[in-house]
Amino acid sequence: MASSPPSRATPPSLQADRHCLLLDFDGTLVEIVDRPDAVVVDEALARLLERLVGTFAGRVALVSGRSVAQIEGFLGATAAGIAVVGSHGAELRLGGHRVDAERPTALVEAERALDAAFAGVEGVVIEVKSLGVAVHYRLAPRHEAEARRLAEQFVGVGNLVIQEGKMMVELRVGGRDKGSGIAALLEKAPFAGHLPVFLGDDVTDEAGFVAVAERGGFGVLVGAERTSAARFRLPDVAAVRGWLGAAA
């Protein structure tokens, strides 16, 4: 019989003078919803993020599989003071400066193929990102195999790779991940020289958990227990907001 994953403790309190704060978005700060464009950043979350930016002297970043543009769209004016590592580490925005990679032709072709395959299919949502395209089948799980088969046809074309996720499959530009994005961010002011703390809920966050642990920080898994490189755990989005609120 396979052993159960270890039970992780609640993370210790954050220290504003020692830590920098790295936060996944979907499933960590906001609940996962059926349609990826239906996420709403409520007033309470916006105010919490603004307080954290002040408390941690600007050392707060969102680390997401979404593009920088998507995160900016959700956060509005609140995004101005927050660094963003987007597109699974391939994009970085810090202090008003953005480092973006070019969208490859292969990704454009994959997007067209997926759009054509699922045109008119109820419950399947195609999410277009700067450096990725995802097929969400949460509302139509019977299409999982088809979505995966179509995506796999483009693996290796123009350096595209498959990124696993919750009830979705994504094609994205390879060579980067949340760990490499975090590593790049931690070399820059005001993050450099501080212990990184990264919160995330999905398998896409595992590279980030490893990256912060290698630099003396720690990861916090959000959600149910599972095998993970995170040292601590919080059960859900509400618990994340409560824990962060105590540090803000």
C-alpha atoms as a PDB file:
ATOM      1  CA  MET A   1       0.000   0.000   0.000  1.00  0.00           C
ATOM      2  CA  ALA A   2       1.350   3.437  -0.940  1.00  0.00           C
ATOM      3  CA  SER A   3       2.193   5.677   1.976  1.00  0.00           C
ATOM      4  CA  SER A   4       0.276   8.904   2.524  1.00  0.00           C
ATOM      5  CA  PRO A   5       2.049  12.236   2.005  1.00  0.00           C
ATOM      6  CA  PRO A   6       3.353  13.827   5.217  1.00  0.00           C
ATOM      7  CA  SER A   7       1.128  16.165   7.198  1.00  0.00           C
ATOM      8  CA  ARG A   8       2.595  19.673   7.004  1.00  0.00           C
ATOM      9  CA  ALA A   9       2.376  22.306   9.703  1.00  0.00           C
ATOM     10  CA  THR A  10       0.986  25.810   9.328  1.00  0.00           C
ATOM     11  CA  PRO A  11       3.783  28.160   8.223  1.00  0.00           C
ATOM     12  CA  PRO A  12       5.444  30.353  10.837  1.00  0.00           C
ATOM     13  CA  SER A  13       4.779  34.072  10.996  1.00  0.00           C
ATOM     14  CA  LEU A  14       6.379  36.237   8.352  1.00  0.00           C
ATOM     15  CA  GLN A  15       9.049  38.745   9.347  1.00  0.00           C
ATOM     16  CA  ALA A  16       8.866  41.987   7.398  1.00  0.00           C
ATOM     17  CA  ASP A  17      12.581  42.753   7.714  1.00  0.00           C
ATOM     18  CA  ARG A  18      13.774  39.281   6.616  1.00  0.00           C
ATOM     19  CA  HIS A  19      11.325  37.869   4.097  1.00  0.00           C
ATOM     20  CA  CYS A  20      10.152  38.590   0.580  1.00  0.00           C
ATOM     21  CA  LEU A  21       6.752  37.327  -0.445  1.00  0.00           C
ATOM     22  CA  LEU A  22       6.027  35.418  -3.674  1.00  0.00           C
ATOM     23  CA  LEU A  23       2.417  34.472  -4.367  1.00  0.00           C
ATOM     24  CA  ASP A  24       0.729  32.286  -6.935  1.00  0.00           C
ATOM     25  CA  PHE A  25      -2.589  33.732  -8.112  1.00  0.00           C
ATOM     26  CA  ASP A  26      -5.253  31.157  -9.079  1.00  0.00           C
ATOM     27  CA  GLY A  27      -6.057  28.755  -6.265  1.00  0.00           C
ATOM     28  CA  THR A  28      -3.872  30.691  -3.831  1.00  0.00           C
ATOM     29  CA  LEU A  29      -5.120  34.288  -3.684  1.00  0.00           C
ATOM     30  CA  VAL A  30      -8.369  33.710  -5.579  1.00  0.00           C
ATOM     31  CA  GLU A  31     -10.565  30.649  -5.886  1.00  0.00           C
ATOM     32  CA  ILE A  32     -10.316  28.588  -9.059  1.00  0.00           C
ATOM     33  CA  VAL A  33     -13.398  29.221 -11.194  1.00  0.00           C
ATOM     34  CA  ASP A  34     -14.977  27.375 -14.101  1.00  0.00           C
ATOM     35  CA  ARG A  35     -13.933  29.975 -16.658  1.00  0.00           C
ATOM     36  CA  PRO A  36     -10.416  31.474 -16.393  1.00  0.00           C
ATOM     37  CA  ASP A  37     -11.620  34.938 -17.402  1.00  0.00           C
ATOM     38  CA  ALA A  38     -14.268  35.004 -14.651  1.00  0.00           C
ATOM     39  CA  VAL A  39     -11.839  35.654 -11.795  1.00  0.00           C
ATOM     40  CA  VAL A  40     -12.631  38.752  -9.740  1.00  0.00           C
ATOM     41  CA  VAL A  41     -10.140  40.489  -7.456  1.00  0.00           C
ATOM     42  CA  ASP A  42     -12.364  41.714  -4.638  1.00  0.00           C
ATOM     43  CA  GLU A  43     -11.761  44.886  -2.673  1.00  0.00           C
ATOM     44  CA  ALA A  44     -10.553  43.007   0.394  1.00  0.00           C
ATOM     45  CA  LEU A  45      -7.806  41.254  -1.590  1.00  0.00           C
ATOM     46  CA  ALA A  46      -6.746  44.487  -3.292  1.00  0.00           C
ATOM     47  CA  ARG A  47      -6.396  46.247   0.057  1.00  0.00           C
ATOM     48  CA  LEU A  48      -4.532  43.259   1.544  1.00  0.00           C
ATOM     49  CA  LEU A  49      -1.984  43.288  -1.286  1.00  0.00           C
ATOM     50  CA  GLU A  50      -1.474  47.025  -0.913  1.00  0.00           C
ATOM     51  CA  ARG A  51      -0.819  46.636   2.825  1.00  0.00           C
ATOM     52  CA  LEU A  52       1.648  43.823   2.174  1.00  0.00           C
ATOM     53  CA  VAL A  53       3.569  45.931  -0.332  1.00  0.00           C
ATOM     54  CA  GLY A  54       3.946  48.602   2.343  1.00  0.00           C
ATOM     55  CA  THR A  55       4.878  46.193   5.115  1.00  0.00           C
ATOM     56  CA  PHE A  56       7.477  44.359   3.019  1.00  0.00           C
ATOM     57  CA  ALA A  57       8.890  47.533   1.420  1.00  0.00           C
ATOM     58  CA  GLY A  58       7.890  46.470  -2.068  1.00  0.00           C
ATOM     59  CA  ARG A  59       9.126  42.886  -1.767  1.00  0.00           C
ATOM     60  CA  VAL A  60       5.862  41.303  -2.964  1.00  0.00           C
ATOM     61  CA  ALA A  61       5.491  39.480  -6.280  1.00  0.00           C
ATOM     62  CA  LEU A  62       2.824  37.458  -8.036  1.00  0.00           C
ATOM     63  CA  VAL A  63       4.212  34.341  -9.715  1.00  0.00           C
ATOM     64  CA  SER A  64       1.704  32.961 -12.181  1.00  0.00           C
ATOM     65  CA  GLY A  65       1.178  30.845 -15.244  1.00  0.00           C
ATOM     66  CA  ARG A  66      -0.926  33.701 -16.530  1.00  0.00           C
ATOM     67  CA  SER A  67       0.710  36.448 -18.547  1.00  0.00           C
ATOM     68  CA  VAL A  68       1.785  39.734 -17.007  1.00  0.00           C
ATOM     69  CA  ALA A  69      -0.963  41.448 -19.025  1.00  0.00           C
ATOM     70  CA  GLN A  70      -3.620  39.125 -17.583  1.00  0.00           C
ATOM     71  CA  ILE A  71      -2.475  39.772 -14.015  1.00  0.00           C
ATOM     72  CA  GLU A  72      -2.462  43.515 -14.637  1.00  0.00           C
ATOM     73  CA  GLY A  73      -5.980  43.264 -16.013  1.00  0.00           C
ATOM     74  CA  PHE A  74      -7.271  41.491 -12.916  1.00  0.00           C
ATOM     75  CA  LEU A  75      -5.505  43.743 -10.393  1.00  0.00           C
ATOM     76  CA  GLY A  76      -5.962  47.108 -12.085  1.00  0.00           C
ATOM     77  CA  ALA A  77      -4.266  49.943 -10.184  1.00  0.00           C
ATOM     78  CA  THR A  78      -3.245  47.556  -7.400  1.00  0.00           C
ATOM     79  CA  ALA A  79      -0.724  45.940  -9.762  1.00  0.00           C
ATOM     80  CA  ALA A  80       1.426  49.069  -9.892  1.00  0.00           C
ATOM     81  CA  GLY A  81       3.385  48.301  -6.725  1.00  0.00           C
ATOM     82  CA  ILE A  82       3.666  44.536  -7.208  1.00  0.00           C
ATOM     83  CA  ALA A  83       6.296  42.655  -9.196  1.00  0.00           C
ATOM     84  CA  VAL A  84       4.944  40.003 -11.571  1.00  0.00           C
ATOM     85  CA  VAL A  85       6.593  36.825 -12.812  1.00  0.00           C
ATOM     86  CA  GLY A  86       4.265  35.703 -15.604  1.00  0.00           C
ATOM     87  CA  SER A  87       3.881  32.955 -18.197  1.00  0.00           C
ATOM     88  CA  HIS A  88       5.532  30.295 -16.007  1.00  0.00           C
ATOM     89  CA  GLY A  89       8.697  32.338 -15.549  1.00  0.00           C
ATOM     90  CA  ALA A  90       9.097  33.610 -19.114  1.00  0.00           C
ATOM     91  CA  GLU A  91       7.962  37.182 -18.338  1.00  0.00           C
ATOM     92  CA  LEU A  92       9.087  39.567 -15.611  1.00  0.00           C
ATOM     93  CA  ARG A  93       7.775  42.987 -14.651  1.00  0.00           C
ATOM     94  CA  LEU A  94       9.562  44.843 -11.891  1.00  0.00           C
ATOM     95  CA  GLY A  95       9.556  48.545 -11.092  1.00  0.00           C
ATOM     96  CA  GLY A  96       7.804  49.430 -14.320  1.00  0.00           C
ATOM     97  CA  HIS A  97      10.362  47.537 -16.444  1.00  0.00           C
ATOM     98  CA  ARG A  98       9.193  44.489 -18.387  1.00  0.00           C
ATOM     99  CA  VAL A  99      11.181  41.617 -19.848  1.00  0.00           C
ATOM    100  CA  ASP A 100       9.049  39.789 -22.410  1.00  0.00           C
ATOM    101  CA  ALA A 101       9.823  36.963 -24.785  1.00  0.00           C
ATOM    102  CA  GLU A 102       8.534  36.905 -28.348  1.00  0.00           C
ATOM    103  CA  ARG A 103       5.475  34.747 -29.060  1.00  0.00           C
ATOM    104  CA  PRO A 104       6.635  31.959 -31.402  1.00  0.00           C
ATOM    105  CA  THR A 105       4.885  31.130 -34.659  1.00  0.00           C
ATOM    106  CA  ALA A 106       4.338  27.559 -33.485  1.00  0.00           C
ATOM    107  CA  LEU A 107       2.217  28.816 -30.607  1.00  0.00           C
ATOM    108  CA  VAL A 108       0.074  30.882 -32.961  1.00  0.00           C
ATOM    109  CA  GLU A 109      -0.464  27.783 -35.103  1.00  0.00           C
ATOM    110  CA  ALA A 110      -1.342  25.686 -32.049  1.00  0.00           C
ATOM    111  CA  GLU A 111      -3.854  28.296 -30.936  1.00  0.00           C
ATOM    112  CA  ARG A 112      -5.554  28.212 -34.344  1.00  0.00           C
ATOM    113  CA  ALA A 113      -5.713  24.416 -34.324  1.00  0.00           C
ATOM    114  CA  LEU A 114      -7.199  24.260 -30.839  1.00  0.00           C
ATOM    115  CA  ASP A 115      -9.698  27.021 -31.635  1.00  0.00           C
ATOM    116  CA  ALA A 116     -10.828  25.132 -34.718  1.00  0.00           C
ATOM    117  CA  ALA A 117     -11.066  21.791 -32.929  1.00  0.00           C
ATOM    118  CA  PHE A 118     -13.207  23.099 -30.086  1.00  0.00           C
ATOM    119  CA  ALA A 119     -15.214  25.774 -31.892  1.00  0.00           C
ATOM    120  CA  GLY A 120     -18.788  25.540 -30.669  1.00  0.00           C
ATOM    121  CA  VAL A 121     -17.994  22.828 -28.090  1.00  0.00           C
ATOM    122  CA  GLU A 122     -19.924  23.741 -24.974  1.00  0.00           C
ATOM    123  CA  GLY A 123     -17.912  23.834 -21.770  1.00  0.00           C
ATOM    124  CA  VAL A 124     -14.436  23.909 -23.337  1.00  0.00           C
ATOM    125  CA  VAL A 125     -12.607  27.228 -22.883  1.00  0.00           C
ATOM    126  CA  ILE A 126      -9.504  28.218 -24.829  1.00  0.00           C
ATOM    127  CA  GLU A 127      -7.344  30.635 -22.829  1.00  0.00           C
ATOM    128  CA  VAL A 128      -4.809  32.588 -24.879  1.00  0.00           C
ATOM    129  CA  LYS A 129      -1.732  33.857 -23.037  1.00  0.00           C
ATOM    130  CA  SER A 130       1.293  35.820 -24.182  1.00  0.00           C
ATOM    131  CA  LEU A 131       3.468  32.710 -24.245  1.00  0.00           C
ATOM    132  CA  GLY A 132       0.941  29.915 -23.978  1.00  0.00           C
ATOM    133  CA  VAL A 133      -2.477  28.598 -24.913  1.00  0.00           C
ATOM    134  CA  ALA A 134      -4.551  26.469 -22.546  1.00  0.00           C
ATOM    135  CA  VAL A 135      -7.586  24.248 -23.010  1.00  0.00           C
ATOM    136  CA  HIS A 136      -9.819  24.257 -19.925  1.00  0.00           C
ATOM    137  CA  TYR A 137     -12.246  21.339 -19.725  1.00  0.00           C
ATOM    138  CA  ARG A 138     -13.506  21.732 -16.156  1.00  0.00           C
ATOM    139  CA  LEU A 139     -17.052  22.151 -17.469  1.00  0.00           C
ATOM    140  CA  ALA A 140     -16.642  19.329 -20.019  1.00  0.00           C
ATOM    141  CA  PRO A 141     -14.255  16.702 -18.575  1.00  0.00           C
ATOM    142  CA  ARG A 142     -15.182  14.204 -21.294  1.00  0.00           C
ATOM    143  CA  HIS A 143     -12.995  16.233 -23.676  1.00  0.00           C
ATOM    144  CA  GLU A 144      -9.812  15.780 -21.631  1.00  0.00           C
ATOM    145  CA  ALA A 145      -8.343  13.035 -23.832  1.00  0.00           C
ATOM    146  CA  GLU A 146      -9.037  14.960 -27.031  1.00  0.00           C
ATOM    147  CA  ALA A 147      -7.529  18.156 -25.642  1.00  0.00           C
ATOM    148  CA  ARG A 148      -4.413  16.337 -24.555  1.00  0.00           C
ATOM    149  CA  ARG A 149      -4.070  14.503 -27.882  1.00  0.00           C
ATOM    150  CA  LEU A 150      -4.265  17.745 -29.855  1.00  0.00           C
ATOM    151  CA  ALA A 151      -1.813  19.533 -27.581  1.00  0.00           C
ATOM    152  CA  GLU A 152       0.697  16.696 -27.768  1.00  0.00           C
ATOM    153  CA  GLN A 153       0.884  17.102 -31.549  1.00  0.00           C
ATOM    154  CA  PHE A 154       2.691  20.410 -31.014  1.00  0.00           C
ATOM    155  CA  VAL A 155       5.170  19.292 -28.360  1.00  0.00           C
ATOM    156  CA  GLY A 156       8.687  20.026 -29.554  1.00  0.00           C
ATOM    157  CA  VAL A 157       7.538  22.316 -32.352  1.00  0.00           C
ATOM    158  CA  GLY A 158       9.134  25.729 -31.809  1.00  0.00           C
ATOM    159  CA  ASN A 159      10.240  24.679 -28.294  1.00  0.00           C
ATOM    160  CA  LEU A 160       6.659  24.128 -27.116  1.00  0.00           C
ATOM    161  CA  VAL A 161       6.052  21.929 -24.086  1.00  0.00           C
ATOM    162  CA  ILE A 162       2.964  20.725 -22.243  1.00  0.00           C
ATOM    163  CA  GLN A 163       2.216  22.215 -18.843  1.00  0.00           C
ATOM    164  CA  GLU A 164      -0.062  20.171 -16.617  1.00  0.00           C
ATOM    165  CA  GLY A 165      -2.713  21.947 -14.556  1.00  0.00           C
ATOM    166  CA  LYS A 166      -6.009  21.493 -12.761  1.00  0.00           C
ATOM    167  CA  MET A 167      -8.626  20.388 -15.319  1.00  0.00           C
ATOM    168  CA  MET A 168      -6.643  21.922 -18.164  1.00  0.00           C
ATOM    169  CA  VAL A 169      -3.786  21.239 -20.529  1.00  0.00           C
ATOM    170  CA  GLU A 170      -1.528  24.034 -21.737  1.00  0.00           C
ATOM    171  CA  LEU A 171       1.038  24.452 -24.473  1.00  0.00           C
ATOM    172  CA  ARG A 172       3.705  26.968 -23.548  1.00  0.00           C
ATOM    173  CA  VAL A 173       7.192  28.044 -24.503  1.00  0.00           C
ATOM    174  CA  GLY A 174       9.727  25.711 -22.883  1.00  0.00           C
ATOM    175  CA  GLY A 175      12.986  26.434 -21.118  1.00  0.00           C
ATOM    176  CA  ARG A 176      11.431  28.439 -18.278  1.00  0.00           C
ATOM    177  CA  ASP A 177       9.375  27.640 -15.204  1.00  0.00           C
ATOM    178  CA  LYS A 178       8.300  29.345 -12.006  1.00  0.00           C
ATOM    179  CA  GLY A 179      11.565  28.316 -10.381  1.00  0.00           C
ATOM    180  CA  SER A 180      13.717  30.027 -13.011  1.00  0.00           C
ATOM    181  CA  GLY A 181      11.467  33.092 -12.886  1.00  0.00           C
ATOM    182  CA  ILE A 182      11.774  33.300  -9.109  1.00  0.00           C
ATOM    183  CA  ALA A 183      15.549  32.861  -9.326  1.00  0.00           C
ATOM    184  CA  ALA A 184      15.793  35.783 -11.749  1.00  0.00           C
ATOM    185  CA  LEU A 185      13.595  37.971  -9.546  1.00  0.00           C
ATOM    186  CA  LEU A 186      15.608  37.239  -6.413  1.00  0.00           C
ATOM    187  CA  GLU A 187      18.741  38.651  -8.044  1.00  0.00           C
ATOM    188  CA  LYS A 188      17.124  42.078  -8.301  1.00  0.00           C
ATOM    189  CA  ALA A 189      16.374  44.831  -5.792  1.00  0.00           C
ATOM    190  CA  PRO A 190      14.412  44.990  -3.558  1.00  0.00           C
ATOM    191  CA  PHE A 191      14.158  41.175  -3.387  1.00  0.00           C
ATOM    192  CA  ALA A 192      17.880  40.372  -3.354  1.00  0.00           C
ATOM    193  CA  GLY A 193      19.280  39.495   0.055  1.00  0.00           C
ATOM    194  CA  HIS A 194      15.962  38.460   1.616  1.00  0.00           C
ATOM    195  CA  LEU A 195      14.580  35.024   2.411  1.00  0.00           C
ATOM    196  CA  PRO A 196      11.915  34.034  -0.146  1.00  0.00           C
ATOM    197  CA  VAL A 197       8.544  32.601   0.839  1.00  0.00           C
ATOM    198  CA  PHE A 198       6.437  31.167  -1.990  1.00  0.00           C
ATOM    199  CA  LEU A 199       2.780  30.122  -1.766  1.00  0.00           C
ATOM    200  CA  GLY A 200       1.186  27.952  -4.453  1.00  0.00           C
ATOM    201  CA  ASP A 201      -1.401  25.252  -4.964  1.00  0.00           C
ATOM    202  CA  ASP A 202      -0.630  23.413  -8.201  1.00  0.00           C
ATOM    203  CA  VAL A 203       2.022  21.117  -9.654  1.00  0.00           C
ATOM    204  CA  THR A 204       3.170  24.121 -11.697  1.00  0.00           C
ATOM    205  CA  ASP A 205       4.376  25.645  -8.409  1.00  0.00           C
ATOM    206  CA  GLU A 206       6.749  22.813  -7.502  1.00  0.00           C
ATOM    207  CA  ALA A 207       9.734  24.345  -9.297  1.00  0.00           C
ATOM    208  CA  GLY A 208       9.104  27.505  -7.284  1.00  0.00           C
ATOM    209  CA  PHE A 209       9.053  25.587  -4.010  1.00  0.00           C
ATOM    210  CA  VAL A 210      12.426  24.064  -4.895  1.00  0.00           C
ATOM    211  CA  ALA A 211      13.887  27.432  -5.885  1.00  0.00           C
ATOM    212  CA  VAL A 212      13.009  29.165  -2.624  1.00  0.00           C
ATOM    213  CA  ALA A 213      14.196  26.228  -0.520  1.00  0.00           C
ATOM    214  CA  GLU A 214      17.575  26.328  -2.282  1.00  0.00           C
ATOM    215  CA  ARG A 215      17.860  29.984  -1.265  1.00  0.00           C
ATOM    216  CA  GLY A 216      17.094  29.482   2.420  1.00  0.00           C
ATOM    217  CA  GLY A 217      13.377  30.247   2.240  1.00  0.00           C
ATOM    218  CA  PHE A 218      10.359  27.982   2.276  1.00  0.00           C
ATOM    219  CA  GLY A 219       7.320  26.996   0.245  1.00  0.00           C
ATOM    220  CA  VAL A 220       3.713  26.825   1.412  1.00  0.00           C
ATOM    221  CA  LEU A 221       1.382  24.372  -0.288  1.00  0.00           C
ATOM    222  CA  VAL A 222      -2.215  25.591  -0.552  1.00  0.00           C
ATOM    223  CA  GLY A 223      -4.921  22.929  -0.530  1.00  0.00           C
ATOM    224  CA  ALA A 224      -5.017  19.229   0.260  1.00  0.00           C
ATOM    225  CA  GLU A 225      -1.930  17.309   1.311  1.00  0.00           C
ATOM    226  CA  ARG A 226       0.078  15.746  -1.496  1.00  0.00           C
ATOM    227  CA  THR A 227       3.679  14.988  -2.318  1.00  0.00           C
ATOM    228  CA  SER A 228       5.363  18.378  -2.614  1.00  0.00           C
ATOM    229  CA  ALA A 229       8.619  20.258  -2.117  1.00  0.00           C
ATOM    230  CA  ALA A 230       6.750  22.768   0.063  1.00  0.00           C
ATOM    231  CA  ARG A 231       7.656  22.646   3.757  1.00  0.00           C
ATOM    232  CA  PHE A 232       4.372  24.022   5.126  1.00  0.00           C
ATOM    233  CA  ARG A 233       0.680  24.030   4.175  1.00  0.00           C
ATOM    234  CA  LEU A 234      -2.456  26.151   4.357  1.00  0.00           C
ATOM    235  CA  PRO A 235      -5.794  24.463   3.588  1.00  0.00           C
ATOM    236  CA  ASP A 236      -7.441  26.986   1.261  1.00  0.00           C
ATOM    237  CA  VAL A 237      -7.625  30.522  -0.105  1.00  0.00           C
ATOM    238  CA  ALA A 238      -9.369  31.828   3.020  1.00  0.00           C
ATOM    239  CA  ALA A 239      -6.548  30.495   5.200  1.00  0.00           C
ATOM    240  CA  VAL A 240      -3.970  32.116   2.903  1.00  0.00           C
ATOM    241  CA  ARG A 241      -5.656  35.490   3.215  1.00  0.00           C
ATOM    242  CA  GLY A 242      -5.891  35.128   6.982  1.00  0.00           C
ATOM    243  CA  TRP A 243      -2.217  34.205   7.319  1.00  0.00           C
ATOM    244  CA  LEU A 244      -1.129  37.048   5.057  1.00  0.00           C
ATOM    245  CA  GLY A 245      -3.438  39.456   6.868  1.00  0.00           C
ATOM    246  CA  ALA A 246      -1.667  38.747  10.137  1.00  0.00           C
ATOM    247  CA  ALA A 247       1.607  39.911   8.539  1.00  0.00           C
ATOM    248  CA  ALA A 248       0.260  42.948   6.660  1.00  0.00           C
END
